[in-house]
């Protein structure tokens, strides 16, 4: 969404089309969402698969913020695709969250978890905007990315593994 502004801040001379950046990201998200499911089956672990995709996301973040003078719109779009692929773990994290609950609450959890994530975007936006009061646009983006990834990593570290777990239980 902010690719045009970041492109200018990185010194990319070509005009960045945010719609095109989002398109690349969402196509890659779709592919990542399918592949993380397969990866979790191969690894026999949802958490390990998430860590692989978190690593790809971190790589994408690093590459995104290493762009600079001489970078191109094509490079920006390809990095947006990498970021999309790395964040293509929606189905797995919703599944993991829902599997923490018994059969009587699982559907409620599966529909509530995505809404909580969407709601967190408001706080992330406030963080990014607030950081711009004391930091450059790029540094505010870096700090926001680091905070979000740290929270994500801690959350996965603390949640129990659900792969292969007996899910036939009822919440009292």
Foldseek 3Di string as FASTA:
>chain_A
DCLQVLCVVQQAPDGADVVLLVVLLQVLLVVLLVVLVVVCVVVLFNLVSLVVLLVQLVVLLVQSLVRHHPDYNVSSSVSSNSNSSSPSNLVSVLVLQLLVAAPVCSVVSSVVVVVVVVVCVVVLVVQLVVVVVPDPNSVSVVVSVVVVSVVVNVVSVPRDIRRPNDRHDHDD
